[in-house]
């Protein structure tokens, strides 16, 4: 599981839909997995709501 400032990534299938939906360009694909730039992430939740695999979780 990968934790960013407010988002946890687990079970990612690599579809990259979260990358295209992120308005802050905070999500990128590297090393065979999705990574989140914690400096850019504003915890809007768009990536979470658009993930078809429910692989993203917004943290409190």
PDB file of N, CA and C in Angstrom:
ATOM      1  N   UNK A   1       0.844  -1.171   0.000  1.00  0.00           N
ATOM      2  CA  UNK A   1       0.000   0.000   0.000  1.00  0.00           C
ATOM      3  C   UNK A   1       0.893   1.238   0.000  1.00  0.00           C
ATOM      4  N   UNK A   2       0.553   2.201  -0.837  1.00  0.00           N
ATOM      5  CA  UNK A   2       1.311   3.440  -0.935  1.00  0.00           C
ATOM      6  C   UNK A   2       0.469   4.559  -0.341  1.00  0.00           C
ATOM      7  N   UNK A   3       1.031   5.342   0.559  1.00  0.00           N
ATOM      8  CA  UNK A   3       0.296   6.451   1.160  1.00  0.00           C
ATOM      9  C   UNK A   3       0.836   7.768   0.637  1.00  0.00           C
ATOM     10  N   UNK A   4      -0.058   8.650   0.278  1.00  0.00           N
ATOM     11  CA  UNK A   4       0.315  10.019  -0.055  1.00  0.00           C
ATOM     12  C   UNK A   4      -0.242  10.901   1.056  1.00  0.00           C
ATOM     13  N   UNK A   5      -0.318  12.188   0.816  1.00  0.00           N
ATOM     14  CA  UNK A   5      -0.792  13.087   1.865  1.00  0.00           C
ATOM     15  C   UNK A   5      -2.185  12.721   2.358  1.00  0.00           C
ATOM     16  N   UNK A   6      -3.087  12.395   1.444  1.00  0.00           N
ATOM     17  CA  UNK A   6      -4.455  12.082   1.832  1.00  0.00           C
ATOM     18  C   UNK A   6      -5.020  10.878   1.095  1.00  0.00           C
ATOM     19  N   UNK A   7      -4.219  10.231   0.259  1.00  0.00           N
ATOM     20  CA  UNK A   7      -4.720   9.142  -0.579  1.00  0.00           C
ATOM     21  C   UNK A   7      -3.863   7.896  -0.396  1.00  0.00           C
ATOM     22  N   UNK A   8      -4.505   6.751  -0.207  1.00  0.00           N
ATOM     23  CA  UNK A   8      -3.805   5.467  -0.135  1.00  0.00           C
ATOM     24  C   UNK A   8      -4.104   4.704  -1.419  1.00  0.00           C
ATOM     25  N   UNK A   9      -3.083   4.070  -1.986  1.00  0.00           N
ATOM     26  CA  UNK A   9      -3.229   3.294  -3.216  1.00  0.00           C
ATOM     27  C   UNK A   9      -2.990   1.827  -2.882  1.00  0.00           C
ATOM     28  N   UNK A  10      -3.951   0.966  -3.219  1.00  0.00           N
ATOM     29  CA  UNK A  10      -3.788  -0.466  -2.988  1.00  0.00           C
ATOM     30  C   UNK A  10      -4.568  -1.227  -4.047  1.00  0.00           C
ATOM     31  N   UNK A  11      -4.016  -2.290  -4.558  1.00  0.00           N
ATOM     32  CA  UNK A  11      -4.710  -3.101  -5.557  1.00  0.00           C
ATOM     33  C   UNK A  11      -4.834  -2.450  -6.911  1.00  0.00           C
ATOM     34  N   UNK A  12      -3.954  -1.531  -7.225  1.00  0.00           N
ATOM     35  CA  UNK A  12      -3.998  -0.829  -8.511  1.00  0.00           C
ATOM     36  C   UNK A  12      -3.755  -1.808  -9.656  1.00  0.00           C
ATOM     37  N   UNK A  13      -4.606  -1.741 -10.683  1.00  0.00           N
ATOM     38  CA  UNK A  13      -4.485  -2.600 -11.865  1.00  0.00           C
ATOM     39  C   UNK A  13      -3.764  -1.888 -13.009  1.00  0.00           C
ATOM     40  N   UNK A  14      -3.408  -0.628 -12.814  1.00  0.00           N
ATOM     41  CA  UNK A  14      -2.644   0.117 -13.814  1.00  0.00           C
ATOM     42  C   UNK A  14      -3.454   0.691 -14.960  1.00  0.00           C
ATOM     43  N   UNK A  15      -4.749   0.909 -14.776  1.00  0.00           N
ATOM     44  CA  UNK A  15      -5.573   1.451 -15.867  1.00  0.00           C
ATOM     45  C   UNK A  15      -5.270   2.929 -16.133  1.00  0.00           C
ATOM     46  N   UNK A  16      -4.762   3.624 -15.152  1.00  0.00           N
ATOM     47  CA  UNK A  16      -4.332   5.020 -15.237  1.00  0.00           C
ATOM     48  C   UNK A  16      -5.463   6.032 -15.406  1.00  0.00           C
ATOM     49  N   UNK A  17      -6.684   5.651 -15.121  1.00  0.00           N
ATOM     50  CA  UNK A  17      -7.801   6.599 -15.199  1.00  0.00           C
ATOM     51  C   UNK A  17      -7.624   7.733 -14.198  1.00  0.00           C
ATOM     52  N   UNK A  18      -7.047   7.430 -13.056  1.00  0.00           N
ATOM     53  CA  UNK A  18      -6.821   8.453 -12.037  1.00  0.00           C
ATOM     54  C   UNK A  18      -5.875   9.542 -12.543  1.00  0.00           C
ATOM     55  N   UNK A  19      -4.924   9.152 -13.371  1.00  0.00           N
ATOM     56  CA  UNK A  19      -3.961  10.111 -13.909  1.00  0.00           C
ATOM     57  C   UNK A  19      -4.667  11.125 -14.792  1.00  0.00           C
ATOM     58  N   UNK A  20      -5.547  10.638 -15.662  1.00  0.00           N
ATOM     59  CA  UNK A  20      -6.231  11.538 -16.593  1.00  0.00           C
ATOM     60  C   UNK A  20      -7.269  12.424 -15.903  1.00  0.00           C
ATOM     61  N   UNK A  21      -7.811  12.004 -14.780  1.00  0.00           N
ATOM     62  CA  UNK A  21      -8.846  12.780 -14.092  1.00  0.00           C
ATOM     63  C   UNK A  21      -8.260  13.812 -13.119  1.00  0.00           C
ATOM     64  N   UNK A  22      -7.019  13.639 -12.722  1.00  0.00           N
ATOM     65  CA  UNK A  22      -6.413  14.528 -11.722  1.00  0.00           C
ATOM     66  C   UNK A  22      -6.139  15.917 -12.309  1.00  0.00           C
ATOM     67  N   UNK A  23      -6.842  16.916 -11.796  1.00  0.00           N
ATOM     68  CA  UNK A  23      -6.685  18.290 -12.258  1.00  0.00           C
ATOM     69  C   UNK A  23      -5.409  18.957 -11.783  1.00  0.00           C
ATOM     70  N   UNK A  24      -4.751  18.364 -10.813  1.00  0.00           N
ATOM     71  CA  UNK A  24      -3.520  18.929 -10.262  1.00  0.00           C
ATOM     72  C   UNK A  24      -2.264  18.271 -10.834  1.00  0.00           C
ATOM     73  N   UNK A  25      -2.444  17.274 -11.705  1.00  0.00           N
ATOM     74  CA  UNK A  25      -1.321  16.489 -12.250  1.00  0.00           C
ATOM     75  C   UNK A  25      -0.474  15.902 -11.127  1.00  0.00           C
ATOM     76  N   UNK A  26      -1.142  15.465 -10.070  1.00  0.00           N
ATOM     77  CA  UNK A  26      -0.453  14.931  -8.898  1.00  0.00           C
ATOM     78  C   UNK A  26      -0.194  13.434  -8.996  1.00  0.00           C
ATOM     79  N   UNK A  27      -0.802  12.772  -9.992  1.00  0.00           N
ATOM     80  CA  UNK A  27      -0.680  11.323 -10.104  1.00  0.00           C
ATOM     81  C   UNK A  27       0.093  10.978 -11.364  1.00  0.00           C
ATOM     82  N   UNK A  28       1.041  10.064 -11.221  1.00  0.00           N
ATOM     83  CA  UNK A  28       1.832   9.625 -12.368  1.00  0.00           C
ATOM     84  C   UNK A  28       2.131   8.139 -12.226  1.00  0.00           C
ATOM     85  N   UNK A  29       2.517   7.532 -13.323  1.00  0.00           N
ATOM     86  CA  UNK A  29       2.806   6.098 -13.350  1.00  0.00           C
ATOM     87  C   UNK A  29       4.310   5.917 -13.463  1.00  0.00           C
ATOM     88  N   UNK A  30       4.892   5.208 -12.515  1.00  0.00           N
ATOM     89  CA  UNK A  30       6.335   4.999 -12.503  1.00  0.00           C
ATOM     90  C   UNK A  30       6.658   3.714 -11.754  1.00  0.00           C
ATOM     91  N   UNK A  31       7.602   2.974 -12.259  1.00  0.00           N
ATOM     92  CA  UNK A  31       8.021   1.752 -11.585  1.00  0.00           C
ATOM     93  C   UNK A  31       6.938   0.690 -11.545  1.00  0.00           C
ATOM     94  N   UNK A  32       6.047   0.717 -12.539  1.00  0.00           N
ATOM     95  CA  UNK A  32       4.989  -0.276 -12.608  1.00  0.00           C
ATOM     96  C   UNK A  32       3.813  -0.035 -11.680  1.00  0.00           C
ATOM     97  N   UNK A  33       3.711   1.183 -11.143  1.00  0.00           N
ATOM     98  CA  UNK A  33       2.589   1.488 -10.256  1.00  0.00           C
ATOM     99  C   UNK A  33       2.272   2.984 -10.258  1.00  0.00           C
ATOM    100  N   UNK A  34       1.081   3.292  -9.787  1.00  0.00           N
ATOM    101  CA  UNK A  34       0.647   4.680  -9.660  1.00  0.00           C
ATOM    102  C   UNK A  34       1.351   5.302  -8.464  1.00  0.00           C
ATOM    103  N   UNK A  35       1.802   6.524  -8.657  1.00  0.00           N
ATOM    104  CA  UNK A  35       2.451   7.267  -7.578  1.00  0.00           C
ATOM    105  C   UNK A  35       1.736   8.605  -7.438  1.00  0.00           C
ATOM    106  N   UNK A  36       1.718   9.144  -6.240  1.00  0.00           N
ATOM    107  CA  UNK A  36       1.057  10.418  -5.985  1.00  0.00           C
ATOM    108  C   UNK A  36       2.067  11.413  -5.438  1.00  0.00           C
ATOM    109  N   UNK A  37       2.145  12.574  -6.090  1.00  0.00           N
ATOM    110  CA  UNK A  37       3.026  13.647  -5.648  1.00  0.00           C
ATOM    111  C   UNK A  37       2.316  14.394  -4.517  1.00  0.00           C
ATOM    112  N   UNK A  38       2.789  14.212  -3.303  1.00  0.00           N
ATOM    113  CA  UNK A  38       2.111  14.800  -2.147  1.00  0.00           C
ATOM    114  C   UNK A  38       2.183  16.329  -2.136  1.00  0.00           C
ATOM    115  N   UNK A  39       3.110  16.898  -2.879  1.00  0.00           N
ATOM    116  CA  UNK A  39       3.203  18.357  -2.974  1.00  0.00           C
ATOM    117  C   UNK A  39       2.080  18.936  -3.832  1.00  0.00           C
ATOM    118  N   UNK A  40       1.574  18.139  -4.783  1.00  0.00           N
ATOM    119  CA  UNK A  40       0.535  18.607  -5.702  1.00  0.00           C
ATOM    120  C   UNK A  40      -0.876  18.169  -5.311  1.00  0.00           C
ATOM    121  N   UNK A  41      -1.007  17.063  -4.598  1.00  0.00           N
ATOM    122  CA  UNK A  41      -2.322  16.506  -4.255  1.00  0.00           C
ATOM    123  C   UNK A  41      -3.084  17.449  -3.321  1.00  0.00           C
ATOM    124  N   UNK A  42      -4.338  17.774  -3.694  1.00  0.00           N
ATOM    125  CA  UNK A  42      -5.160  18.631  -2.842  1.00  0.00           C
ATOM    126  C   UNK A  42      -6.302  17.856  -2.182  1.00  0.00           C
ATOM    127  N   UNK A  43      -6.249  16.530  -2.273  1.00  0.00           N
ATOM    128  CA  UNK A  43      -7.227  15.632  -1.638  1.00  0.00           C
ATOM    129  C   UNK A  43      -8.661  15.908  -2.085  1.00  0.00           C
ATOM    130  N   UNK A  44      -8.837  16.215  -3.371  1.00  0.00           N
ATOM    131  CA  UNK A  44     -10.176  16.515  -3.889  1.00  0.00           C
ATOM    132  C   UNK A  44     -11.051  15.269  -4.004  1.00  0.00           C
ATOM    133  N   UNK A  45     -10.431  14.091  -4.140  1.00  0.00           N
ATOM    134  CA  UNK A  45     -11.183  12.846  -4.204  1.00  0.00           C
ATOM    135  C   UNK A  45     -11.616  12.414  -5.586  1.00  0.00           C
ATOM    136  N   UNK A  46     -11.275  13.178  -6.617  1.00  0.00           N
ATOM    137  CA  UNK A  46     -11.665  12.810  -7.982  1.00  0.00           C
ATOM    138  C   UNK A  46     -11.062  11.471  -8.395  1.00  0.00           C
ATOM    139  N   UNK A  47      -9.828  11.230  -8.038  1.00  0.00           N
ATOM    140  CA  UNK A  47      -9.180   9.956  -8.380  1.00  0.00           C
ATOM    141  C   UNK A  47      -9.897   8.786  -7.711  1.00  0.00           C
ATOM    142  N   UNK A  48     -10.310   8.989  -6.471  1.00  0.00           N
ATOM    143  CA  UNK A  48     -11.001   7.943  -5.713  1.00  0.00           C
ATOM    144  C   UNK A  48     -12.337   7.604  -6.363  1.00  0.00           C
ATOM    145  N   UNK A  49     -13.105   8.614  -6.712  1.00  0.00           N
ATOM    146  CA  UNK A  49     -14.439   8.372  -7.263  1.00  0.00           C
ATOM    147  C   UNK A  49     -14.419   7.830  -8.683  1.00  0.00           C
ATOM    148  N   UNK A  50     -13.321   8.007  -9.413  1.00  0.00           N
ATOM    149  CA  UNK A  50     -13.243   7.532 -10.795  1.00  0.00           C
ATOM    150  C   UNK A  50     -12.476   6.223 -10.964  1.00  0.00           C
ATOM    151  N   UNK A  51     -11.921   5.685  -9.910  1.00  0.00           N
ATOM    152  CA  UNK A  51     -11.151   4.439 -10.011  1.00  0.00           C
ATOM    153  C   UNK A  51     -12.099   3.248 -10.164  1.00  0.00           C
ATOM    154  N   UNK A  52     -12.024   2.516 -11.292  1.00  0.00           N
ATOM    155  CA  UNK A  52     -12.922   1.380 -11.510  1.00  0.00           C
ATOM    156  C   UNK A  52     -12.593   0.171 -10.634  1.00  0.00           C
ATOM    157  N   UNK A  53     -11.416   0.169 -10.022  1.00  0.00           N
ATOM    158  CA  UNK A  53     -10.984  -0.962  -9.199  1.00  0.00           C
ATOM    159  C   UNK A  53     -11.043  -0.672  -7.703  1.00  0.00           C
ATOM    160  N   UNK A  54     -11.546   0.506  -7.349  1.00  0.00           N
ATOM    161  CA  UNK A  54     -11.587   0.923  -5.939  1.00  0.00           C
ATOM    162  C   UNK A  54     -10.228   0.768  -5.268  1.00  0.00           C
ATOM    163  N   UNK A  55      -9.188   1.144  -5.998  1.00  0.00           N
ATOM    164  CA  UNK A  55      -7.823   0.986  -5.505  1.00  0.00           C
ATOM    165  C   UNK A  55      -7.305   2.214  -4.762  1.00  0.00           C
ATOM    166  N   UNK A  56      -8.093   3.268  -4.733  1.00  0.00           N
ATOM    167  CA  UNK A  56      -7.688   4.491  -4.057  1.00  0.00           C
ATOM    168  C   UNK A  56      -8.623   4.760  -2.888  1.00  0.00           C
ATOM    169  N   UNK A  57      -8.063   5.263  -1.813  1.00  0.00           N
ATOM    170  CA  UNK A  57      -8.839   5.539  -0.609  1.00  0.00           C
ATOM    171  C   UNK A  57      -8.416   6.885  -0.053  1.00  0.00           C
ATOM    172  N   UNK A  58      -9.368   7.775   0.147  1.00  0.00           N
ATOM    173  CA  UNK A  58      -9.082   9.075   0.731  1.00  0.00           C
ATOM    174  C   UNK A  58      -8.939   8.908   2.237  1.00  0.00           C
ATOM    175  N   UNK A  59      -7.841   9.386   2.784  1.00  0.00           N
ATOM    176  CA  UNK A  59      -7.548   9.242   4.209  1.00  0.00           C
ATOM    177  C   UNK A  59      -7.998  10.493   4.962  1.00  0.00           C
ATOM    178  N   UNK A  60      -8.351  10.326   6.219  1.00  0.00           N
ATOM    179  CA  UNK A  60      -8.730  11.463   7.079  1.00  0.00           C
ATOM    180  C   UNK A  60      -7.505  12.127   7.643  1.00  0.00           C
TER     181      UNK A  60
END
